[in-house]
Every structure is written in C-alpha cells, then in structure tokens.
C-alpha cells in the first residue's frame, strides 16, 4: 500500500490530472459499473466491498457505520486492496496516485481478487441445500418433501 505522502517523498507525486468522477445513486447494475471502473470510492458497506473484491476492484473507503461496518475497513486494509480516508482532499490525493500508477493498481486488483469470493452466494445456497437434504435423510424423510 503506497500513500500519497510516501509517493511525494519518492518524487513520484505530481499534481492531480483529469479524472472522470461519476457519482451514482442507487443502481441495479452495479456489477457492470464495477467491472468498468478503475477504483471504487465508497463507504464500508459489506456488499460493496465483497462485490469490489470479487471483480478485483481497488477500494477507497470514506466512512463506516460504527459497530456495524467498522470491521469491514480492516478487510480492505489487511487485504491490501485499498485504503481509508475521510477527508475529501486526502481521498483525491490518494486515488489520483493510484490512477497514475498502473503497477500499483494491478497489485491492488490482484489483492482484491485474492480476498474476493465471486461465487459465494451460490456456494452457500448449495451447501444449505445439501445440509437440508442430509438432515431430512437422517430424520427418516429420505430427502424428499413430506
């Protein structure tokens, strides 16, 4: 993880260039946007983080709900696929550094994919179904519906 300050000390920091920022309200096709994006800037919602990790998208977290989402920040930080900052200027500096460093974005994207589980929902559903059938067989139902 390389921060804007570290980049400046290495002489690699330059004034931010043109960045296209698209603010979205609620959308039903978030996966399409995430696949097309270079970086996700978001609060620390578990669904957003999981979706971003599943598609290898680096994440800049800007806030979290105390208690409910606090641990999600560590998932991103410990996973090495993003950072946390509440200040708009700091967010802009950090994200602009990421966008100018293709190698860093590639490393963060790989780290996100390592953390992500793109088939988690279907895997969980299958496991629940298998366990349900096992319990039904163990209870003498033979796995069928009564």
N, C-alpha and C. Protein backbone atom coordinates (compact mmCIF):
# COMPACT_ATOMS: atom_id res chain seq x y z
N UNK A 1 0.86 -1.17 0.00
CA UNK A 1 0.00 0.00 0.00
C UNK A 1 0.90 1.23 0.00
N UNK A 2 0.73 2.08 -0.96
CA UNK A 2 1.55 3.27 -1.09
C UNK A 2 0.65 4.49 -0.92
N UNK A 3 0.97 5.33 0.02
CA UNK A 3 0.18 6.53 0.29
C UNK A 3 0.73 7.71 -0.49
N UNK A 4 -0.10 8.74 -0.66
CA UNK A 4 0.29 9.94 -1.40
C UNK A 4 1.55 10.58 -0.80
N UNK A 5 1.64 10.60 0.53
CA UNK A 5 2.81 11.21 1.18
C UNK A 5 4.08 10.43 0.82
N UNK A 6 4.00 9.09 0.86
CA UNK A 6 5.16 8.28 0.50
C UNK A 6 5.56 8.53 -0.95
N UNK A 7 4.56 8.65 -1.84
CA UNK A 7 4.84 8.93 -3.24
C UNK A 7 5.55 10.28 -3.38
N UNK A 8 5.10 11.29 -2.61
CA UNK A 8 5.72 12.61 -2.68
C UNK A 8 7.17 12.54 -2.23
N UNK A 9 7.43 11.77 -1.17
CA UNK A 9 8.80 11.64 -0.68
C UNK A 9 9.70 10.95 -1.70
N UNK A 10 9.12 10.08 -2.51
CA UNK A 10 9.89 9.37 -3.54
C UNK A 10 10.01 10.20 -4.82
N UNK A 11 9.41 11.40 -4.83
CA UNK A 11 9.47 12.24 -6.01
C UNK A 11 8.55 11.78 -7.13
N UNK A 12 7.59 10.92 -6.82
CA UNK A 12 6.69 10.40 -7.84
C UNK A 12 5.35 11.10 -7.86
N UNK A 13 5.13 12.00 -6.93
CA UNK A 13 3.82 12.67 -6.83
C UNK A 13 3.80 13.88 -7.75
N UNK A 14 2.74 13.97 -8.52
CA UNK A 14 2.55 15.12 -9.40
C UNK A 14 1.16 15.68 -9.13
N UNK A 15 0.93 16.89 -9.56
CA UNK A 15 -0.41 17.49 -9.39
C UNK A 15 -1.44 16.58 -10.04
N UNK A 16 -2.57 16.42 -9.39
CA UNK A 16 -3.61 15.55 -9.95
C UNK A 16 -4.01 15.97 -11.35
N UNK A 17 -4.21 14.99 -12.20
CA UNK A 17 -4.64 15.25 -13.57
C UNK A 17 -6.14 15.14 -13.70
N UNK A 18 -6.60 15.05 -14.90
CA UNK A 18 -8.03 14.96 -15.17
C UNK A 18 -8.52 13.57 -14.80
N UNK A 19 -9.52 13.53 -13.96
CA UNK A 19 -10.11 12.26 -13.53
C UNK A 19 -11.61 12.37 -13.73
N UNK A 20 -12.17 11.40 -14.41
CA UNK A 20 -13.62 11.37 -14.58
C UNK A 20 -14.24 10.73 -13.35
N UNK A 21 -15.07 11.48 -12.66
CA UNK A 21 -15.75 11.00 -11.46
C UNK A 21 -17.23 10.91 -11.78
N UNK A 22 -17.81 9.74 -11.51
CA UNK A 22 -19.23 9.55 -11.77
C UNK A 22 -19.89 9.18 -10.45
N UNK A 23 -20.72 10.09 -9.96
CA UNK A 23 -21.47 9.83 -8.73
C UNK A 23 -22.79 9.17 -9.09
N UNK A 24 -23.10 8.07 -8.43
CA UNK A 24 -24.32 7.33 -8.74
C UNK A 24 -25.19 7.22 -7.50
N UNK A 25 -26.47 7.28 -7.70
CA UNK A 25 -27.41 6.93 -6.64
C UNK A 25 -27.57 5.42 -6.68
N UNK A 26 -28.71 4.94 -6.27
CA UNK A 26 -28.98 3.51 -6.30
C UNK A 26 -29.08 3.04 -7.74
N UNK A 27 -28.37 1.99 -8.07
CA UNK A 27 -28.45 1.39 -9.40
C UNK A 27 -28.61 -0.12 -9.24
N UNK A 28 -29.20 -0.75 -10.23
CA UNK A 28 -29.39 -2.19 -10.17
C UNK A 28 -28.33 -2.96 -10.94
N UNK A 29 -27.47 -2.24 -11.65
CA UNK A 29 -26.43 -2.90 -12.44
C UNK A 29 -25.03 -2.52 -11.94
N UNK A 30 -24.87 -2.57 -10.62
CA UNK A 30 -23.58 -2.17 -10.02
C UNK A 30 -22.42 -3.01 -10.53
N UNK A 31 -22.63 -4.30 -10.76
CA UNK A 31 -21.54 -5.15 -11.24
C UNK A 31 -20.97 -4.63 -12.56
N UNK A 32 -21.83 -4.15 -13.44
CA UNK A 32 -21.36 -3.60 -14.72
C UNK A 32 -20.49 -2.37 -14.49
N UNK A 33 -20.90 -1.51 -13.57
CA UNK A 33 -20.10 -0.32 -13.28
C UNK A 33 -18.77 -0.71 -12.65
N UNK A 34 -18.80 -1.67 -11.74
CA UNK A 34 -17.55 -2.08 -11.07
C UNK A 34 -16.56 -2.68 -12.04
N UNK A 35 -17.02 -3.47 -12.97
CA UNK A 35 -16.12 -4.07 -13.96
C UNK A 35 -15.49 -2.99 -14.84
N UNK A 36 -16.23 -1.93 -15.11
CA UNK A 36 -15.73 -0.85 -15.97
C UNK A 36 -14.87 0.16 -15.23
N UNK A 37 -14.95 0.19 -13.89
CA UNK A 37 -14.26 1.20 -13.09
C UNK A 37 -12.80 0.84 -12.82
N UNK A 38 -12.02 1.86 -12.49
CA UNK A 38 -10.63 1.66 -12.07
C UNK A 38 -10.53 1.58 -10.55
N UNK A 39 -11.40 2.33 -9.85
CA UNK A 39 -11.37 2.41 -8.39
C UNK A 39 -12.80 2.63 -7.90
N UNK A 40 -13.14 2.05 -6.76
CA UNK A 40 -14.41 2.31 -6.11
C UNK A 40 -14.16 3.20 -4.90
N UNK A 41 -14.88 4.31 -4.81
CA UNK A 41 -14.85 5.18 -3.64
C UNK A 41 -16.21 5.03 -2.98
N UNK A 42 -16.21 4.53 -1.74
CA UNK A 42 -17.47 4.15 -1.12
C UNK A 42 -17.35 4.11 0.39
N UNK A 43 -18.50 4.07 1.07
CA UNK A 43 -18.50 3.78 2.50
C UNK A 43 -18.20 2.29 2.64
N UNK A 44 -17.96 1.85 3.85
CA UNK A 44 -17.51 0.48 4.10
C UNK A 44 -18.66 -0.52 4.20
N UNK A 45 -19.57 -0.49 3.26
CA UNK A 45 -20.66 -1.46 3.25
C UNK A 45 -20.14 -2.83 2.86
N UNK A 46 -20.57 -3.87 3.55
CA UNK A 46 -20.05 -5.21 3.26
C UNK A 46 -20.36 -5.69 1.85
N UNK A 47 -21.55 -5.37 1.34
CA UNK A 47 -21.89 -5.79 -0.01
C UNK A 47 -21.02 -5.14 -1.05
N UNK A 48 -20.79 -3.84 -0.90
CA UNK A 48 -19.95 -3.11 -1.86
C UNK A 48 -18.52 -3.64 -1.84
N UNK A 49 -17.99 -3.88 -0.65
CA UNK A 49 -16.62 -4.40 -0.54
C UNK A 49 -16.53 -5.79 -1.15
N UNK A 50 -17.49 -6.65 -0.85
CA UNK A 50 -17.48 -8.01 -1.38
C UNK A 50 -17.57 -8.01 -2.91
N UNK A 51 -18.45 -7.17 -3.45
CA UNK A 51 -18.59 -7.09 -4.91
C UNK A 51 -17.32 -6.56 -5.55
N UNK A 52 -16.72 -5.54 -4.94
CA UNK A 52 -15.48 -4.99 -5.49
C UNK A 52 -14.36 -6.03 -5.46
N UNK A 53 -14.23 -6.74 -4.36
CA UNK A 53 -13.19 -7.76 -4.26
C UNK A 53 -13.41 -8.87 -5.29
N UNK A 54 -14.65 -9.24 -5.50
CA UNK A 54 -14.95 -10.32 -6.45
C UNK A 54 -14.52 -9.98 -7.87
N UNK A 55 -14.53 -8.69 -8.22
CA UNK A 55 -14.13 -8.30 -9.58
C UNK A 55 -12.74 -7.67 -9.61
N UNK A 56 -12.04 -7.68 -8.47
CA UNK A 56 -10.67 -7.17 -8.45
C UNK A 56 -10.58 -5.66 -8.51
N UNK A 57 -11.50 -4.97 -7.84
CA UNK A 57 -11.54 -3.51 -7.89
C UNK A 57 -10.97 -2.90 -6.62
N UNK A 58 -9.90 -2.10 -6.73
CA UNK A 58 -9.37 -1.39 -5.56
C UNK A 58 -10.43 -0.47 -4.95
N UNK A 59 -10.38 -0.30 -3.63
CA UNK A 59 -11.42 0.43 -2.91
C UNK A 59 -10.83 1.52 -2.02
N UNK A 60 -11.38 2.72 -2.13
CA UNK A 60 -11.08 3.80 -1.19
C UNK A 60 -12.32 3.96 -0.33
N UNK A 61 -12.18 3.63 0.95
CA UNK A 61 -13.28 3.75 1.89
C UNK A 61 -13.28 5.14 2.50
N UNK A 62 -14.48 5.73 2.62
CA UNK A 62 -14.59 7.09 3.10
C UNK A 62 -15.31 7.21 4.44
N UNK A 63 -16.02 6.17 4.84
CA UNK A 63 -16.77 6.21 6.09
C UNK A 63 -17.26 4.81 6.42
N UNK A 64 -17.77 4.65 7.63
CA UNK A 64 -18.38 3.38 8.03
C UNK A 64 -19.38 3.65 9.14
N UNK A 65 -20.34 2.77 9.26
CA UNK A 65 -21.29 2.86 10.37
C UNK A 65 -20.63 2.25 11.59
N UNK A 66 -20.48 3.01 12.68
CA UNK A 66 -19.81 2.48 13.88
C UNK A 66 -20.44 1.17 14.34
N UNK A 67 -19.58 0.23 14.67
CA UNK A 67 -20.03 -1.08 15.14
C UNK A 67 -20.40 -1.99 13.99
N UNK A 68 -21.35 -1.57 13.18
CA UNK A 68 -21.87 -2.41 12.11
C UNK A 68 -20.87 -2.62 10.98
N UNK A 69 -20.14 -1.59 10.58
CA UNK A 69 -19.24 -1.68 9.44
C UNK A 69 -17.77 -1.45 9.77
N UNK A 70 -17.46 -1.19 11.02
CA UNK A 70 -16.08 -0.86 11.40
C UNK A 70 -15.09 -1.95 10.99
N UNK A 71 -15.45 -3.20 11.18
CA UNK A 71 -14.55 -4.31 10.84
C UNK A 71 -14.32 -4.44 9.35
N UNK A 72 -15.22 -3.91 8.55
CA UNK A 72 -15.06 -4.01 7.10
C UNK A 72 -13.86 -3.21 6.61
N UNK A 73 -13.53 -2.14 7.32
CA UNK A 73 -12.37 -1.33 6.94
C UNK A 73 -11.11 -2.20 6.99
N UNK A 74 -11.00 -3.00 8.03
CA UNK A 74 -9.82 -3.86 8.17
C UNK A 74 -9.74 -4.92 7.07
N UNK A 75 -10.86 -5.37 6.58
CA UNK A 75 -10.85 -6.35 5.48
C UNK A 75 -10.12 -5.75 4.28
N UNK A 76 -10.42 -4.49 3.98
CA UNK A 76 -9.79 -3.82 2.85
C UNK A 76 -8.32 -3.52 3.14
N UNK A 77 -8.04 -2.96 4.32
CA UNK A 77 -6.66 -2.61 4.67
C UNK A 77 -5.78 -3.85 4.77
N UNK A 78 -6.24 -4.85 5.51
CA UNK A 78 -5.45 -6.08 5.68
C UNK A 78 -5.31 -6.84 4.37
N UNK A 79 -6.33 -6.73 3.52
CA UNK A 79 -6.28 -7.40 2.23
C UNK A 79 -5.38 -6.71 1.22
N UNK A 80 -4.98 -5.47 1.51
CA UNK A 80 -4.07 -4.74 0.63
C UNK A 80 -4.70 -4.25 -0.66
N UNK A 81 -6.03 -4.11 -0.68
CA UNK A 81 -6.65 -3.65 -1.92
C UNK A 81 -7.35 -2.31 -1.77
N UNK A 82 -6.93 -1.53 -0.78
CA UNK A 82 -7.50 -0.20 -0.64
C UNK A 82 -7.02 0.51 0.59
N UNK A 83 -7.69 1.63 0.86
CA UNK A 83 -7.30 2.47 1.98
C UNK A 83 -8.56 3.12 2.55
N UNK A 84 -8.37 3.83 3.66
CA UNK A 84 -9.47 4.51 4.33
C UNK A 84 -9.07 5.96 4.56
N UNK A 85 -9.95 6.87 4.18
CA UNK A 85 -9.71 8.30 4.41
C UNK A 85 -11.06 8.99 4.44
N UNK A 86 -11.23 9.93 5.38
CA UNK A 86 -12.49 10.66 5.49
C UNK A 86 -12.42 12.04 4.84
N UNK A 87 -11.25 12.57 4.65
CA UNK A 87 -11.08 13.93 4.14
C UNK A 87 -11.10 13.95 2.61
N UNK A 88 -11.99 14.75 1.99
CA UNK A 88 -12.06 14.77 0.53
C UNK A 88 -10.72 15.05 -0.17
N UNK A 89 -9.93 15.98 0.36
CA UNK A 89 -8.64 16.27 -0.28
C UNK A 89 -7.70 15.07 -0.19
N UNK A 90 -7.70 14.39 0.95
CA UNK A 90 -6.86 13.20 1.11
C UNK A 90 -7.31 12.08 0.20
N UNK A 91 -8.62 11.92 0.07
CA UNK A 91 -9.16 10.89 -0.83
C UNK A 91 -8.71 11.18 -2.25
N UNK A 92 -8.87 12.43 -2.68
CA UNK A 92 -8.48 12.81 -4.04
C UNK A 92 -6.99 12.59 -4.28
N UNK A 93 -6.15 12.98 -3.32
CA UNK A 93 -4.70 12.78 -3.47
C UNK A 93 -4.36 11.31 -3.61
N UNK A 94 -4.90 10.49 -2.71
CA UNK A 94 -4.57 9.07 -2.72
C UNK A 94 -5.06 8.38 -3.98
N UNK A 95 -6.32 8.62 -4.33
CA UNK A 95 -6.87 7.97 -5.52
C UNK A 95 -6.14 8.42 -6.78
N UNK A 96 -5.77 9.70 -6.85
CA UNK A 96 -5.04 10.17 -8.03
C UNK A 96 -3.68 9.50 -8.13
N UNK A 97 -3.05 9.22 -6.99
CA UNK A 97 -1.78 8.48 -7.01
C UNK A 97 -1.99 7.07 -7.56
N UNK A 98 -3.04 6.43 -7.09
CA UNK A 98 -3.34 5.08 -7.59
C UNK A 98 -3.53 5.08 -9.10
N UNK A 99 -4.31 6.06 -9.58
CA UNK A 99 -4.65 6.10 -11.00
C UNK A 99 -3.45 6.40 -11.89
N UNK A 100 -2.42 7.00 -11.34
CA UNK A 100 -1.20 7.27 -12.12
C UNK A 100 -0.19 6.14 -12.02
N UNK A 101 -0.47 5.12 -11.25
CA UNK A 101 0.48 4.03 -11.05
C UNK A 101 -0.16 2.70 -11.46
N UNK A 102 0.00 2.36 -12.73
CA UNK A 102 -0.63 1.14 -13.26
C UNK A 102 -0.17 -0.11 -12.52
N UNK A 103 1.10 -0.14 -12.12
CA UNK A 103 1.60 -1.31 -11.39
C UNK A 103 0.93 -1.44 -10.03
N UNK A 104 0.77 -0.32 -9.33
CA UNK A 104 0.11 -0.35 -8.03
C UNK A 104 -1.34 -0.80 -8.19
N UNK A 105 -2.05 -0.27 -9.19
CA UNK A 105 -3.43 -0.69 -9.42
C UNK A 105 -3.51 -2.19 -9.71
N UNK A 106 -2.55 -2.70 -10.46
CA UNK A 106 -2.54 -4.14 -10.77
C UNK A 106 -2.32 -4.97 -9.51
N UNK A 107 -1.41 -4.52 -8.65
CA UNK A 107 -1.16 -5.23 -7.38
C UNK A 107 -2.41 -5.19 -6.50
N UNK A 108 -3.04 -4.03 -6.40
CA UNK A 108 -4.24 -3.91 -5.58
C UNK A 108 -5.39 -4.74 -6.15
N UNK A 109 -5.51 -4.77 -7.46
CA UNK A 109 -6.55 -5.54 -8.11
C UNK A 109 -6.35 -7.04 -7.84
N UNK A 110 -5.11 -7.48 -7.94
CA UNK A 110 -4.80 -8.89 -7.63
C UNK A 110 -5.12 -9.20 -6.17
N UNK A 111 -4.75 -8.30 -5.27
CA UNK A 111 -5.03 -8.50 -3.84
C UNK A 111 -6.53 -8.58 -3.60
N UNK A 112 -7.30 -7.75 -4.29
CA UNK A 112 -8.76 -7.78 -4.14
C UNK A 112 -9.31 -9.13 -4.58
N UNK A 113 -8.84 -9.62 -5.72
CA UNK A 113 -9.32 -10.92 -6.21
C UNK A 113 -8.95 -12.06 -5.26
N UNK A 114 -7.82 -11.94 -4.57
CA UNK A 114 -7.42 -12.95 -3.60
C UNK A 114 -8.39 -12.99 -2.42
N UNK A 115 -8.94 -11.85 -2.06
CA UNK A 115 -9.88 -11.75 -0.94
C UNK A 115 -11.30 -12.09 -1.39
N UNK A 116 -11.61 -11.78 -2.64
CA UNK A 116 -12.97 -11.94 -3.14
C UNK A 116 -13.39 -13.37 -3.34
N UNK A 117 -14.67 -13.58 -3.24
CA UNK A 117 -15.29 -14.89 -3.47
C UNK A 117 -16.48 -14.68 -4.40
N UNK A 118 -16.24 -14.64 -5.71
CA UNK A 118 -17.31 -14.28 -6.64
C UNK A 118 -18.50 -15.24 -6.67
N UNK A 119 -18.32 -16.46 -6.23
CA UNK A 119 -19.41 -17.43 -6.26
C UNK A 119 -19.93 -17.75 -4.86
N UNK A 120 -19.68 -16.87 -3.92
CA UNK A 120 -20.04 -17.14 -2.52
C UNK A 120 -21.53 -17.39 -2.34
N UNK A 121 -22.38 -16.59 -2.93
CA UNK A 121 -23.82 -16.75 -2.72
C UNK A 121 -24.30 -18.10 -3.22
N UNK A 122 -23.89 -18.51 -4.41
CA UNK A 122 -24.33 -19.81 -4.92
C UNK A 122 -23.70 -20.95 -4.14
N UNK A 123 -22.46 -20.80 -3.72
CA UNK A 123 -21.81 -21.84 -2.90
C UNK A 123 -22.56 -22.03 -1.58
N UNK A 124 -22.95 -20.93 -0.96
CA UNK A 124 -23.69 -21.00 0.31
C UNK A 124 -25.05 -21.66 0.10
N UNK A 125 -25.75 -21.27 -0.96
CA UNK A 125 -27.06 -21.85 -1.24
C UNK A 125 -26.95 -23.36 -1.48
N UNK A 126 -25.94 -23.78 -2.23
CA UNK A 126 -25.74 -25.21 -2.47
C UNK A 126 -25.44 -25.96 -1.18
N UNK A 127 -24.59 -25.38 -0.34
CA UNK A 127 -24.26 -26.03 0.92
C UNK A 127 -25.47 -26.15 1.84
N UNK A 128 -26.29 -25.12 1.90
CA UNK A 128 -27.51 -25.18 2.71
C UNK A 128 -28.44 -26.26 2.17
N UNK A 129 -28.58 -26.33 0.85
CA UNK A 129 -29.43 -27.35 0.25
C UNK A 129 -28.93 -28.75 0.58
N UNK A 130 -27.63 -28.98 0.46
CA UNK A 130 -27.05 -30.29 0.77
C UNK A 130 -27.27 -30.65 2.24
N UNK A 131 -27.04 -29.69 3.12
CA UNK A 131 -27.22 -29.94 4.55
C UNK A 131 -28.68 -30.23 4.87
N UNK A 132 -29.59 -29.52 4.22
CA UNK A 132 -31.01 -29.75 4.44
C UNK A 132 -31.39 -31.18 4.05
N UNK A 133 -30.90 -31.63 2.89
CA UNK A 133 -31.19 -33.00 2.46
C UNK A 133 -30.59 -34.03 3.42
N UNK A 134 -29.38 -33.77 3.90
CA UNK A 134 -28.76 -34.70 4.86
C UNK A 134 -29.58 -34.79 6.14
N UNK A 135 -30.05 -33.68 6.65
CA UNK A 135 -30.85 -33.67 7.88
C UNK A 135 -32.17 -34.39 7.65
N UNK A 136 -32.78 -34.15 6.50
CA UNK A 136 -34.04 -34.82 6.20
C UNK A 136 -33.85 -36.33 6.10
N UNK A 137 -32.76 -36.78 5.47
CA UNK A 137 -32.47 -38.22 5.38
C UNK A 137 -32.22 -38.80 6.77
N UNK A 138 -31.48 -38.05 7.59
CA UNK A 138 -31.18 -38.53 8.95
C UNK A 138 -32.43 -38.64 9.80
N UNK A 139 -33.43 -37.84 9.49
CA UNK A 139 -34.69 -37.88 10.23
C UNK A 139 -35.71 -38.84 9.61
N UNK A 140 -35.25 -39.66 8.66
CA UNK A 140 -36.11 -40.68 8.08
C UNK A 140 -37.01 -40.19 6.97
N UNK A 141 -36.76 -39.00 6.46
CA UNK A 141 -37.60 -38.47 5.39
C UNK A 141 -37.07 -38.88 4.02
N UNK A 142 -35.84 -39.39 3.96
CA UNK A 142 -35.26 -39.81 2.68
C UNK A 142 -34.88 -38.67 1.77
N UNK A 143 -34.91 -37.48 2.28
CA UNK A 143 -34.50 -36.34 1.46
C UNK A 143 -35.62 -35.76 0.63
N UNK A 144 -36.81 -36.35 0.70
CA UNK A 144 -37.92 -35.85 -0.08
C UNK A 144 -38.78 -34.89 0.73
N UNK A 145 -39.74 -34.29 0.09
CA UNK A 145 -40.66 -33.38 0.77
C UNK A 145 -41.77 -34.19 1.41
N UNK A 146 -42.13 -33.93 2.68
CA UNK A 146 -43.16 -34.72 3.36
C UNK A 146 -44.52 -34.59 2.69
